[in-house]
Amino acid sequence: MVRYATGVIEFASAILLLIPALPGLGALILIPTMIGAIFTHLFIVGGSPALPIGLLIAMTIVAWGRKERTLRLINRKMY
C-alpha cells in the first residue's frame, strides 16, 4: 500500500514539475519523499542511496530557485 502511495506522490509531483507555474510545488512535495527513500535504502532495503541523494539535491535546488513564485502561489490560495 505504501508503494502505491509513494508512486502516486512521485507521479503527481513529476506532472507538477512539468507545468511552468508549479515546479516549486512539485519539488517541495518530492523533498520529503526523497528523504524517506534515503532512509529506506539505509535501513530497510540496503544498497546505495546515491540516486535518492542526487534527486534530493536536485529538488532542493529547484525548490530554492522557485521559492518566490511558490510563496506567491501559496499566499494567493490562502487568502
C-alpha atoms as a PDB file:
ATOM      1  CA  MET A   1       0.000   0.000   0.000  1.00  0.00           C
ATOM      2  CA  VAL A   2       2.820   2.395   0.864  1.00  0.00           C
ATOM      3  CA  ARG A   3       4.473   1.731  -2.506  1.00  0.00           C
ATOM      4  CA  TYR A   4       1.282   2.729  -4.319  1.00  0.00           C
ATOM      5  CA  ALA A   5       1.012   5.936  -2.318  1.00  0.00           C
ATOM      6  CA  THR A   6       4.662   6.752  -2.987  1.00  0.00           C
ATOM      7  CA  GLY A   7       4.150   6.092  -6.681  1.00  0.00           C
ATOM      8  CA  VAL A   8       1.136   8.402  -6.819  1.00  0.00           C
ATOM      9  CA  ILE A   9       3.076  11.141  -4.993  1.00  0.00           C
ATOM     10  CA  GLU A  10       6.043  10.791  -7.353  1.00  0.00           C
ATOM     11  CA  PHE A  11       3.816  10.764 -10.447  1.00  0.00           C
ATOM     12  CA  ALA A  12       1.811  13.813  -9.349  1.00  0.00           C
ATOM     13  CA  SER A  13       5.000  15.676  -8.443  1.00  0.00           C
ATOM     14  CA  ALA A  14       6.511  14.881 -11.846  1.00  0.00           C
ATOM     15  CA  ILE A  15       3.436  16.367 -13.524  1.00  0.00           C
ATOM     16  CA  LEU A  16       3.756  19.491 -11.343  1.00  0.00           C
ATOM     17  CA  LEU A  17       7.419  19.807 -12.335  1.00  0.00           C
ATOM     18  CA  LEU A  18       6.352  19.943 -15.997  1.00  0.00           C
ATOM     19  CA  ILE A  19       3.786  22.730 -15.517  1.00  0.00           C
ATOM     20  CA  PRO A  20       5.623  26.080 -15.852  1.00  0.00           C
ATOM     21  CA  ALA A  21       3.897  27.730 -12.870  1.00  0.00           C
ATOM     22  CA  LEU A  22       4.213  24.798 -10.457  1.00  0.00           C
ATOM     23  CA  PRO A  23       7.715  23.239 -10.404  1.00  0.00           C
ATOM     24  CA  GLY A  24       8.494  24.670  -6.955  1.00  0.00           C
ATOM     25  CA  LEU A  25       5.416  22.992  -5.520  1.00  0.00           C
ATOM     26  CA  GLY A  26       6.313  19.680  -7.163  1.00  0.00           C
ATOM     27  CA  ALA A  27       9.840  19.916  -5.762  1.00  0.00           C
ATOM     28  CA  LEU A  28       8.529  20.682  -2.269  1.00  0.00           C
ATOM     29  CA  ILE A  29       6.391  17.562  -2.392  1.00  0.00           C
ATOM     30  CA  LEU A  30       9.306  15.423  -3.607  1.00  0.00           C
ATOM     31  CA  ILE A  31      11.793  16.564  -0.935  1.00  0.00           C
ATOM     32  CA  PRO A  32      10.239  14.542   1.944  1.00  0.00           C
ATOM     33  CA  THR A  33       9.669  11.644  -0.453  1.00  0.00           C
ATOM     34  CA  MET A  34      13.378  11.551  -1.291  1.00  0.00           C
ATOM     35  CA  ILE A  35      14.310  11.795   2.397  1.00  0.00           C
ATOM     36  CA  GLY A  36      12.108   8.763   3.001  1.00  0.00           C
ATOM     37  CA  ALA A  37      13.753   6.971   0.081  1.00  0.00           C
ATOM     38  CA  ILE A  38      17.202   7.647   1.555  1.00  0.00           C
ATOM     39  CA  PHE A  39      16.179   6.231   4.939  1.00  0.00           C
ATOM     40  CA  THR A  40      14.580   3.231   3.221  1.00  0.00           C
ATOM     41  CA  HIS A  41      17.819   2.484   1.372  1.00  0.00           C
ATOM     42  CA  LEU A  42      19.912   2.919   4.501  1.00  0.00           C
ATOM     43  CA  PHE A  43      17.821   0.947   6.992  1.00  0.00           C
ATOM     44  CA  ILE A  44      15.422  -1.383   5.170  1.00  0.00           C
ATOM     45  CA  VAL A  45      16.315  -2.266   1.595  1.00  0.00           C
ATOM     46  CA  GLY A  46      20.052  -1.821   1.615  1.00  0.00           C
ATOM     47  CA  GLY A  47      22.045  -0.756  -1.374  1.00  0.00           C
ATOM     48  CA  SER A  48      23.303   2.628  -2.355  1.00  0.00           C
ATOM     49  CA  PRO A  49      21.214   5.716  -1.557  1.00  0.00           C
ATOM     50  CA  ALA A  50      23.161   7.714  -4.170  1.00  0.00           C
ATOM     51  CA  LEU A  51      20.224   8.201  -6.565  1.00  0.00           C
ATOM     52  CA  PRO A  52      17.779   9.480  -3.912  1.00  0.00           C
ATOM     53  CA  ILE A  53      20.506  11.774  -2.553  1.00  0.00           C
ATOM     54  CA  GLY A  54      21.115  13.176  -6.039  1.00  0.00           C
ATOM     55  CA  LEU A  55      17.390  13.677  -6.591  1.00  0.00           C
ATOM     56  CA  LEU A  56      17.079  15.332  -3.170  1.00  0.00           C
ATOM     57  CA  ILE A  57      19.817  17.781  -4.103  1.00  0.00           C
ATOM     58  CA  ALA A  58      18.172  18.489  -7.470  1.00  0.00           C
ATOM     59  CA  MET A  59      14.734  19.044  -5.916  1.00  0.00           C
ATOM     60  CA  THR A  60      16.214  21.311  -3.252  1.00  0.00           C
ATOM     61  CA  ILE A  61      17.815  23.431  -5.979  1.00  0.00           C
ATOM     62  CA  VAL A  62      14.536  23.614  -7.911  1.00  0.00           C
ATOM     63  CA  ALA A  63      12.525  24.489  -4.788  1.00  0.00           C
ATOM     64  CA  TRP A  64      15.038  27.159  -3.766  1.00  0.00           C
ATOM     65  CA  GLY A  65      15.164  28.640  -7.247  1.00  0.00           C
ATOM     66  CA  ARG A  66      11.360  28.883  -7.466  1.00  0.00           C
ATOM     67  CA  LYS A  67      10.690  29.954  -3.874  1.00  0.00           C
ATOM     68  CA  GLU A  68       9.311  33.436  -4.657  1.00  0.00           C
ATOM     69  CA  ARG A  69       6.853  32.118  -7.230  1.00  0.00           C
ATOM     70  CA  THR A  70       5.796  29.243  -4.964  1.00  0.00           C
ATOM     71  CA  LEU A  71       5.278  31.556  -1.977  1.00  0.00           C
ATOM     72  CA  ARG A  72       3.154  33.899  -4.103  1.00  0.00           C
ATOM     73  CA  LEU A  73       1.104  30.928  -5.284  1.00  0.00           C
ATOM     74  CA  ILE A  74       0.590  29.635  -1.739  1.00  0.00           C
ATOM     75  CA  ASN A  75      -0.282  33.083  -0.352  1.00  0.00           C
ATOM     76  CA  ARG A  76      -2.730  33.725  -3.191  1.00  0.00           C
ATOM     77  CA  LYS A  77      -4.528  30.440  -2.494  1.00  0.00           C
ATOM     78  CA  MET A  78      -4.761  31.103   1.251  1.00  0.00           C
ATOM     79  CA  TYR A  79      -6.463  34.490   1.017  1.00  0.00           C
END
